[in-house]
Amino acid sequence: SGSRMEFSGCVFRGCQFIDCQMDNFSFTDC
């Protein structure tokens, strides 16, 4: 559980997000 986080220039492969609370997240160039 978290908020207001930005991932920039990241790669996610085969990842599992289970019961996550991610308000106001940002993904740029991902």
PDB file of all heavy atoms in Angstrom:
ATOM      1  N   SER A   1       0.850  -1.186   0.000  1.00  0.00           N
ATOM      2  CA  SER A   1       0.000   0.000   0.000  1.00  0.00           C
ATOM      3  C   SER A   1       0.889   1.239   0.000  1.00  0.00           C
ATOM      4  O   SER A   1       1.725   1.423   0.889  1.00  0.00           O
ATOM      5  CB  SER A   1      -0.914   0.020   1.231  1.00  0.00           C
ATOM      6  OG  SER A   1      -1.754   1.158   1.211  1.00  0.00           O
ATOM      7  N   GLY A   2       0.727   2.064  -1.022  1.00  0.00           N
ATOM      8  CA  GLY A   2       1.523   3.276  -1.117  1.00  0.00           C
ATOM      9  C   GLY A   2       0.931   4.208  -2.145  1.00  0.00           C
ATOM     10  O   GLY A   2      -0.044   3.876  -2.832  1.00  0.00           O
ATOM     11  N   SER A   3       1.486   5.395  -2.255  1.00  0.00           N
ATOM     12  CA  SER A   3       0.966   6.376  -3.206  1.00  0.00           C
ATOM     13  C   SER A   3       2.084   7.300  -3.664  1.00  0.00           C
ATOM     14  O   SER A   3       3.154   7.368  -3.057  1.00  0.00           O
ATOM     15  CB  SER A   3      -0.170   7.202  -2.571  1.00  0.00           C
ATOM     16  OG  SER A   3       0.311   7.945  -1.469  1.00  0.00           O
ATOM     17  N   ARG A   4       1.793   7.982  -4.797  1.00  0.00           N
ATOM     18  CA  ARG A   4       2.670   9.023  -5.325  1.00  0.00           C
ATOM     19  C   ARG A   4       4.106   8.537  -5.543  1.00  0.00           C
ATOM     20  O   ARG A   4       5.059   9.079  -5.003  1.00  0.00           O
ATOM     21  CB  ARG A   4       2.656  10.256  -4.416  1.00  0.00           C
ATOM     22  CG  ARG A   4       1.280  10.856  -4.249  1.00  0.00           C
ATOM     23  CD  ARG A   4       1.307  12.159  -3.467  1.00  0.00           C
ATOM     24  NE  ARG A   4      -0.036  12.652  -3.240  1.00  0.00           N
ATOM     25  CZ  ARG A   4      -0.786  13.289  -4.146  1.00  0.00           C
ATOM     26  NH1 ARG A   4      -0.294  13.501  -5.350  1.00  0.00           N
ATOM     27  NH2 ARG A   4      -2.003  13.691  -3.857  1.00  0.00           N
ATOM     28  N   MET A   5       4.225   7.494  -6.357  1.00  0.00           N
ATOM     29  CA  MET A   5       5.538   6.983  -6.730  1.00  0.00           C
ATOM     30  C   MET A   5       5.618   6.916  -8.250  1.00  0.00           C
ATOM     31  O   MET A   5       4.657   6.556  -8.927  1.00  0.00           O
ATOM     32  CB  MET A   5       5.765   5.592  -6.129  1.00  0.00           C
ATOM     33  CG  MET A   5       7.137   5.002  -6.433  1.00  0.00           C
ATOM     34  SD  MET A   5       8.502   5.971  -5.736  1.00  0.00           S
ATOM     35  CE  MET A   5       8.162   5.790  -3.983  1.00  0.00           C
ATOM     36  N   GLU A   6       6.760   7.283  -8.812  1.00  0.00           N
ATOM     37  CA  GLU A   6       6.942   7.248 -10.262  1.00  0.00           C
ATOM     38  C   GLU A   6       8.032   6.256 -10.636  1.00  0.00           C
ATOM     39  O   GLU A   6       9.118   6.252 -10.063  1.00  0.00           O
ATOM     40  CB  GLU A   6       7.322   8.625 -10.811  1.00  0.00           C
ATOM     41  CG  GLU A   6       7.554   8.610 -12.319  1.00  0.00           C
ATOM     42  CD  GLU A   6       7.893   9.959 -12.908  1.00  0.00           C
ATOM     43  OE1 GLU A   6       7.987  10.936 -12.144  1.00  0.00           O
ATOM     44  OE2 GLU A   6       8.074  10.030 -14.141  1.00  0.00           O
ATOM     45  N   PHE A   7       7.700   5.401 -11.609  1.00  0.00           N
ATOM     46  CA  PHE A   7       8.695   4.547 -12.242  1.00  0.00           C
ATOM     47  C   PHE A   7       9.051   5.172 -13.581  1.00  0.00           C
ATOM     48  O   PHE A   7       8.177   5.442 -14.400  1.00  0.00           O
ATOM     49  CB  PHE A   7       8.158   3.136 -12.456  1.00  0.00           C
ATOM     50  CG  PHE A   7       7.996   2.340 -11.197  1.00  0.00           C
ATOM     51  CD1 PHE A   7       6.757   2.206 -10.595  1.00  0.00           C
ATOM     52  CD2 PHE A   7       9.092   1.716 -10.613  1.00  0.00           C
ATOM     53  CE1 PHE A   7       6.602   1.473  -9.442  1.00  0.00           C
ATOM     54  CE2 PHE A   7       8.943   0.971  -9.444  1.00  0.00           C
ATOM     55  CZ  PHE A   7       7.695   0.855  -8.851  1.00  0.00           C
ATOM     56  N   SER A   8      10.328   5.401 -13.812  1.00  0.00           N
ATOM     57  CA  SER A   8      10.776   6.044 -15.042  1.00  0.00           C
ATOM     58  C   SER A   8      11.845   5.182 -15.706  1.00  0.00           C
ATOM     59  O   SER A   8      12.853   4.827 -15.078  1.00  0.00           O
ATOM     60  CB  SER A   8      11.338   7.438 -14.736  1.00  0.00           C
ATOM     61  OG  SER A   8      11.826   8.058 -15.908  1.00  0.00           O
ATOM     62  N   GLY A   9      11.625   4.831 -16.979  1.00  0.00           N
ATOM     63  CA  GLY A   9      12.600   4.033 -17.707  1.00  0.00           C
ATOM     64  C   GLY A   9      12.782   2.638 -17.137  1.00  0.00           C
ATOM     65  O   GLY A   9      13.880   2.078 -17.210  1.00  0.00           O
ATOM     66  N   CYS A  10      11.700   2.049 -16.616  1.00  0.00           N
ATOM     67  CA  CYS A  10      11.780   0.734 -15.973  1.00  0.00           C
ATOM     68  C   CYS A  10      11.113  -0.341 -16.839  1.00  0.00           C
ATOM     69  O   CYS A  10      10.236  -0.059 -17.655  1.00  0.00           O
ATOM     70  CB  CYS A  10      11.116   0.766 -14.602  1.00  0.00           C
ATOM     71  SG  CYS A  10      11.961   1.839 -13.401  1.00  0.00           S
ATOM     72  N   VAL A  11      11.545  -1.589 -16.629  1.00  0.00           N
ATOM     73  CA  VAL A  11      10.981  -2.740 -17.325  1.00  0.00           C
ATOM     74  C   VAL A  11      10.505  -3.753 -16.287  1.00  0.00           C
ATOM     75  O   VAL A  11      11.230  -4.080 -15.344  1.00  0.00           O
ATOM     76  CB  VAL A  11      12.021  -3.389 -18.268  1.00  0.00           C
ATOM     77  CG1 VAL A  11      11.461  -4.675 -18.877  1.00  0.00           C
ATOM     78  CG2 VAL A  11      12.426  -2.418 -19.365  1.00  0.00           C
ATOM     79  N   PHE A  12       9.272  -4.230 -16.470  1.00  0.00           N
ATOM     80  CA  PHE A  12       8.689  -5.242 -15.600  1.00  0.00           C
ATOM     81  C   PHE A  12       8.374  -6.465 -16.456  1.00  0.00           C
ATOM     82  O   PHE A  12       7.598  -6.369 -17.409  1.00  0.00           O
ATOM     83  CB  PHE A  12       7.404  -4.730 -14.943  1.00  0.00           C
ATOM     84  CG  PHE A  12       7.575  -3.488 -14.113  1.00  0.00           C
ATOM     85  CD1 PHE A  12       7.649  -2.231 -14.709  1.00  0.00           C
ATOM     86  CD2 PHE A  12       7.666  -3.576 -12.727  1.00  0.00           C
ATOM     87  CE1 PHE A  12       7.799  -1.086 -13.946  1.00  0.00           C
ATOM     88  CE2 PHE A  12       7.821  -2.440 -11.962  1.00  0.00           C
ATOM     89  CZ  PHE A  12       7.895  -1.191 -12.567  1.00  0.00           C
ATOM     90  N   ARG A  13       8.947  -7.609 -16.107  1.00  0.00           N
ATOM     91  CA  ARG A  13       8.696  -8.837 -16.861  1.00  0.00           C
ATOM     92  C   ARG A  13       8.245  -9.951 -15.907  1.00  0.00           C
ATOM     93  O   ARG A  13       8.958 -10.282 -14.957  1.00  0.00           O
ATOM     94  CB  ARG A  13       9.947  -9.292 -17.618  1.00  0.00           C
ATOM     95  CG  ARG A  13      10.339  -8.385 -18.772  1.00  0.00           C
ATOM     96  CD  ARG A  13      11.331  -9.067 -19.718  1.00  0.00           C
ATOM     97  NE  ARG A  13      11.593  -8.212 -20.885  1.00  0.00           N
ATOM     98  CZ  ARG A  13      12.703  -7.485 -21.028  1.00  0.00           C
ATOM     99  NH1 ARG A  13      13.627  -7.481 -20.081  1.00  0.00           N
ATOM    100  NH2 ARG A  13      12.875  -6.733 -22.111  1.00  0.00           N
ATOM    101  N   GLY A  14       7.066 -10.490 -16.175  1.00  0.00           N
ATOM    102  CA  GLY A  14       6.576 -11.621 -15.398  1.00  0.00           C
ATOM    103  C   GLY A  14       6.354 -11.310 -13.930  1.00  0.00           C
ATOM    104  O   GLY A  14       6.475 -12.205 -13.085  1.00  0.00           O
ATOM    105  N   CYS A  15       6.003 -10.071 -13.615  1.00  0.00           N
ATOM    106  CA  CYS A  15       5.804  -9.685 -12.213  1.00  0.00           C
ATOM    107  C   CYS A  15       4.343  -9.862 -11.793  1.00  0.00           C
ATOM    108  O   CYS A  15       3.420  -9.664 -12.592  1.00  0.00           O
ATOM    109  CB  CYS A  15       6.251  -8.242 -11.991  1.00  0.00           C
ATOM    110  SG  CYS A  15       8.035  -7.994 -12.191  1.00  0.00           S
ATOM    111  N   GLN A  16       4.145 -10.205 -10.508  1.00  0.00           N
ATOM    112  CA  GLN A  16       2.811 -10.401  -9.946  1.00  0.00           C
ATOM    113  C   GLN A  16       2.556  -9.322  -8.889  1.00  0.00           C
ATOM    114  O   GLN A  16       3.342  -9.161  -7.960  1.00  0.00           O
ATOM    115  CB  GLN A  16       2.713 -11.783  -9.285  1.00  0.00           C
ATOM    116  CG  GLN A  16       3.055 -12.955 -10.189  1.00  0.00           C
ATOM    117  CD  GLN A  16       1.956 -13.253 -11.178  1.00  0.00           C
ATOM    118  OE1 GLN A  16       0.764 -13.124 -10.873  1.00  0.00           O
ATOM    119  NE2 GLN A  16       2.337 -13.659 -12.382  1.00  0.00           N
ATOM    120  N   PHE A  17       1.450  -8.607  -9.067  1.00  0.00           N
ATOM    121  CA  PHE A  17       1.028  -7.614  -8.085  1.00  0.00           C
ATOM    122  C   PHE A  17      -0.266  -8.139  -7.463  1.00  0.00           C
ATOM    123  O   PHE A  17      -1.288  -8.259  -8.144  1.00  0.00           O
ATOM    124  CB  PHE A  17       0.787  -6.256  -8.748  1.00  0.00           C
ATOM    125  CG  PHE A  17       2.015  -5.638  -9.352  1.00  0.00           C
ATOM    126  CD1 PHE A  17       2.505  -6.072 -10.588  1.00  0.00           C
ATOM    127  CD2 PHE A  17       2.704  -4.627  -8.691  1.00  0.00           C
ATOM    128  CE1 PHE A  17       3.634  -5.507 -11.153  1.00  0.00           C
ATOM    129  CE2 PHE A  17       3.836  -4.051  -9.248  1.00  0.00           C
ATOM    130  CZ  PHE A  17       4.301  -4.499 -10.481  1.00  0.00           C
ATOM    131  N   ILE A  18      -0.221  -8.473  -6.185  1.00  0.00           N
ATOM    132  CA  ILE A  18      -1.351  -9.132  -5.533  1.00  0.00           C
ATOM    133  C   ILE A  18      -1.896  -8.229  -4.428  1.00  0.00           C
ATOM    134  O   ILE A  18      -1.177  -7.854  -3.493  1.00  0.00           O
ATOM    135  CB  ILE A  18      -0.927 -10.483  -4.939  1.00  0.00           C
ATOM    136  CG1 ILE A  18      -0.361 -11.390  -6.042  1.00  0.00           C
ATOM    137  CG2 ILE A  18      -2.106 -11.170  -4.255  1.00  0.00           C
ATOM    138  CD1 ILE A  18       0.274 -12.665  -5.523  1.00  0.00           C
ATOM    139  N   ASP A  19      -3.178  -7.875  -4.552  1.00  0.00           N
ATOM    140  CA  ASP A  19      -3.873  -7.086  -3.533  1.00  0.00           C
ATOM    141  C   ASP A  19      -3.079  -5.831  -3.165  1.00  0.00           C
ATOM    142  O   ASP A  19      -2.889  -5.518  -1.991  1.00  0.00           O
ATOM    143  CB  ASP A  19      -4.121  -7.944  -2.284  1.00  0.00           C
ATOM    144  CG  ASP A  19      -5.120  -7.286  -1.326  1.00  0.00           C
ATOM    145  OD1 ASP A  19      -5.962  -6.483  -1.792  1.00  0.00           O
ATOM    146  OD2 ASP A  19      -5.054  -7.561  -0.110  1.00  0.00           O
ATOM    147  N   CYS A  20      -2.636  -5.106  -4.182  1.00  0.00           N
ATOM    148  CA  CYS A  20      -1.845  -3.889  -3.956  1.00  0.00           C
ATOM    149  C   CYS A  20      -2.704  -2.637  -4.099  1.00  0.00           C
ATOM    150  O   CYS A  20      -3.596  -2.576  -4.944  1.00  0.00           O
ATOM    151  CB  CYS A  20      -0.672  -3.822  -4.934  1.00  0.00           C
ATOM    152  SG  CYS A  20       0.578  -5.095  -4.657  1.00  0.00           S
ATOM    153  N   GLN A  21      -2.417  -1.640  -3.267  1.00  0.00           N
ATOM    154  CA  GLN A  21      -3.074  -0.338  -3.305  1.00  0.00           C
ATOM    155  C   GLN A  21      -2.035   0.692  -3.716  1.00  0.00           C
ATOM    156  O   GLN A  21      -1.158   1.044  -2.931  1.00  0.00           O
ATOM    157  CB  GLN A  21      -3.655   0.015  -1.919  1.00  0.00           C
ATOM    158  CG  GLN A  21      -4.553  -1.053  -1.317  1.00  0.00           C
ATOM    159  CD  GLN A  21      -5.856  -1.177  -2.076  1.00  0.00           C
ATOM    160  OE1 GLN A  21      -6.460  -0.174  -2.476  1.00  0.00           O
ATOM    161  NE2 GLN A  21      -6.312  -2.404  -2.267  1.00  0.00           N
ATOM    162  N   MET A  22      -2.136   1.156  -4.967  1.00  0.00           N
ATOM    163  CA  MET A  22      -1.096   2.040  -5.501  1.00  0.00           C
ATOM    164  C   MET A  22      -1.743   3.271  -6.125  1.00  0.00           C
ATOM    165  O   MET A  22      -1.759   3.446  -7.348  1.00  0.00           O
ATOM    166  CB  MET A  22      -0.230   1.283  -6.510  1.00  0.00           C
ATOM    167  CG  MET A  22       0.466   0.069  -5.914  1.00  0.00           C
ATOM    168  SD  MET A  22       1.630  -0.779  -7.032  1.00  0.00           S
ATOM    169  CE  MET A  22       0.510  -1.439  -8.257  1.00  0.00           C
ATOM    170  N   ASP A  23      -2.289   4.133  -5.306  1.00  0.00           N
ATOM    171  CA  ASP A  23      -2.922   5.365  -5.773  1.00  0.00           C
ATOM    172  C   ASP A  23      -1.866   6.349  -6.270  1.00  0.00           C
ATOM    173  O   ASP A  23      -0.767   6.448  -5.716  1.00  0.00           O
ATOM    174  CB  ASP A  23      -3.703   6.041  -4.637  1.00  0.00           C
ATOM    175  CG  ASP A  23      -4.971   5.290  -4.282  1.00  0.00           C
ATOM    176  OD1 ASP A  23      -5.331   4.356  -5.023  1.00  0.00           O
ATOM    177  OD2 ASP A  23      -5.601   5.635  -3.270  1.00  0.00           O
ATOM    178  N   ASN A  24      -2.232   7.094  -7.313  1.00  0.00           N
ATOM    179  CA  ASN A  24      -1.377   8.169  -7.820  1.00  0.00           C
ATOM    180  C   ASN A  24       0.009   7.689  -8.236  1.00  0.00           C
ATOM    181  O   ASN A  24       0.995   8.418  -8.109  1.00  0.00           O
ATOM    182  CB  ASN A  24      -1.235   9.295  -6.776  1.00  0.00           C
ATOM    183  CG  ASN A  24      -2.540  10.013  -6.529  1.00  0.00           C
ATOM    184  OD1 ASN A  24      -3.134   9.865  -5.467  1.00  0.00           O
ATOM    185  ND2 ASN A  24      -3.014  10.783  -7.497  1.00  0.00           N
ATOM    186  N   PHE A  25       0.099   6.475  -8.730  1.00  0.00           N
ATOM    187  CA  PHE A  25       1.374   5.997  -9.263  1.00  0.00           C
ATOM    188  C   PHE A  25       1.545   6.508 -10.689  1.00  0.00           C
ATOM    189  O   PHE A  25       0.570   6.812 -11.376  1.00  0.00           O
ATOM    190  CB  PHE A  25       1.432   4.473  -9.237  1.00  0.00           C
ATOM    191  CG  PHE A  25       2.108   3.909  -8.016  1.00  0.00           C
ATOM    192  CD1 PHE A  25       1.697   4.278  -6.745  1.00  0.00           C
ATOM    193  CD2 PHE A  25       3.159   3.016  -8.139  1.00  0.00           C
ATOM    194  CE1 PHE A  25       2.317   3.765  -5.616  1.00  0.00           C
ATOM    195  CE2 PHE A  25       3.790   2.498  -7.023  1.00  0.00           C
ATOM    196  CZ  PHE A  25       3.371   2.870  -5.751  1.00  0.00           C
ATOM    197  N   SER A  26       2.776   6.598 -11.106  1.00  0.00           N
ATOM    198  CA  SER A  26       3.082   7.105 -12.442  1.00  0.00           C
ATOM    199  C   SER A  26       4.120   6.202 -13.105  1.00  0.00           C
ATOM    200  O   SER A  26       5.087   5.781 -12.460  1.00  0.00           O
ATOM    201  CB  SER A  26       3.611   8.538 -12.348  1.00  0.00           C
ATOM    202  OG  SER A  26       4.021   9.017 -13.607  1.00  0.00           O
ATOM    203  N   PHE A  27       3.898   5.897 -14.392  1.00  0.00           N
ATOM    204  CA  PHE A  27       4.854   5.127 -15.190  1.00  0.00           C
ATOM    205  C   PHE A  27       5.206   5.940 -16.423  1.00  0.00           C
ATOM    206  O   PHE A  27       4.330   6.296 -17.210  1.00  0.00           O
ATOM    207  CB  PHE A  27       4.259   3.780 -15.606  1.00  0.00           C
ATOM    208  CG  PHE A  27       4.024   2.824 -14.475  1.00  0.00           C
ATOM    209  CD1 PHE A  27       2.898   2.925 -13.674  1.00  0.00           C
ATOM    210  CD2 PHE A  27       4.932   1.804 -14.215  1.00  0.00           C
ATOM    211  CE1 PHE A  27       2.668   2.041 -12.634  1.00  0.00           C
ATOM    212  CE2 PHE A  27       4.719   0.911 -13.172  1.00  0.00           C
ATOM    213  CZ  PHE A  27       3.577   1.030 -12.375  1.00  0.00           C
ATOM    214  N   THR A  28       6.476   6.249 -16.587  1.00  0.00           N
ATOM    215  CA  THR A  28       6.958   7.012 -17.737  1.00  0.00           C
ATOM    216  C   THR A  28       8.068   6.230 -18.427  1.00  0.00           C
ATOM    217  O   THR A  28       9.010   5.762 -17.773  1.00  0.00           O
ATOM    218  CB  THR A  28       7.492   8.390 -17.290  1.00  0.00           C
ATOM    219  OG1 THR A  28       6.458   9.105 -16.605  1.00  0.00           O
ATOM    220  CG2 THR A  28       7.942   9.203 -18.496  1.00  0.00           C
ATOM    221  N   ASP A  29       7.943   6.067 -19.749  1.00  0.00           N
ATOM    222  CA  ASP A  29       8.945   5.329 -20.526  1.00  0.00           C
ATOM    223  C   ASP A  29       9.185   3.939 -19.921  1.00  0.00           C
ATOM    224  O   ASP A  29      10.326   3.562 -19.604  1.00  0.00           O
ATOM    225  CB  ASP A  29      10.260   6.111 -20.609  1.00  0.00           C
ATOM    226  CG  ASP A  29      10.114   7.384 -21.416  1.00  0.00           C
ATOM    227  OD1 ASP A  29       9.525   7.323 -22.511  1.00  0.00           O
ATOM    228  OD2 ASP A  29      10.586   8.447 -20.961  1.00  0.00           O
ATOM    229  N   CYS A  30       8.091   3.191 -19.760  1.00  0.00           N
ATOM    230  CA  CYS A  30       8.175   1.872 -19.127  1.00  0.00           C
ATOM    231  C   CYS A  30       7.590   0.791 -20.027  1.00  0.00           C
ATOM    232  O   CYS A  30       6.759   1.053 -20.899  1.00  0.00           O
ATOM    233  CB  CYS A  30       7.419   1.862 -17.797  1.00  0.00           C
ATOM    234  SG  CYS A  30       8.234   2.805 -16.477  1.00  0.00           S
TER     235      CYS A  30
END
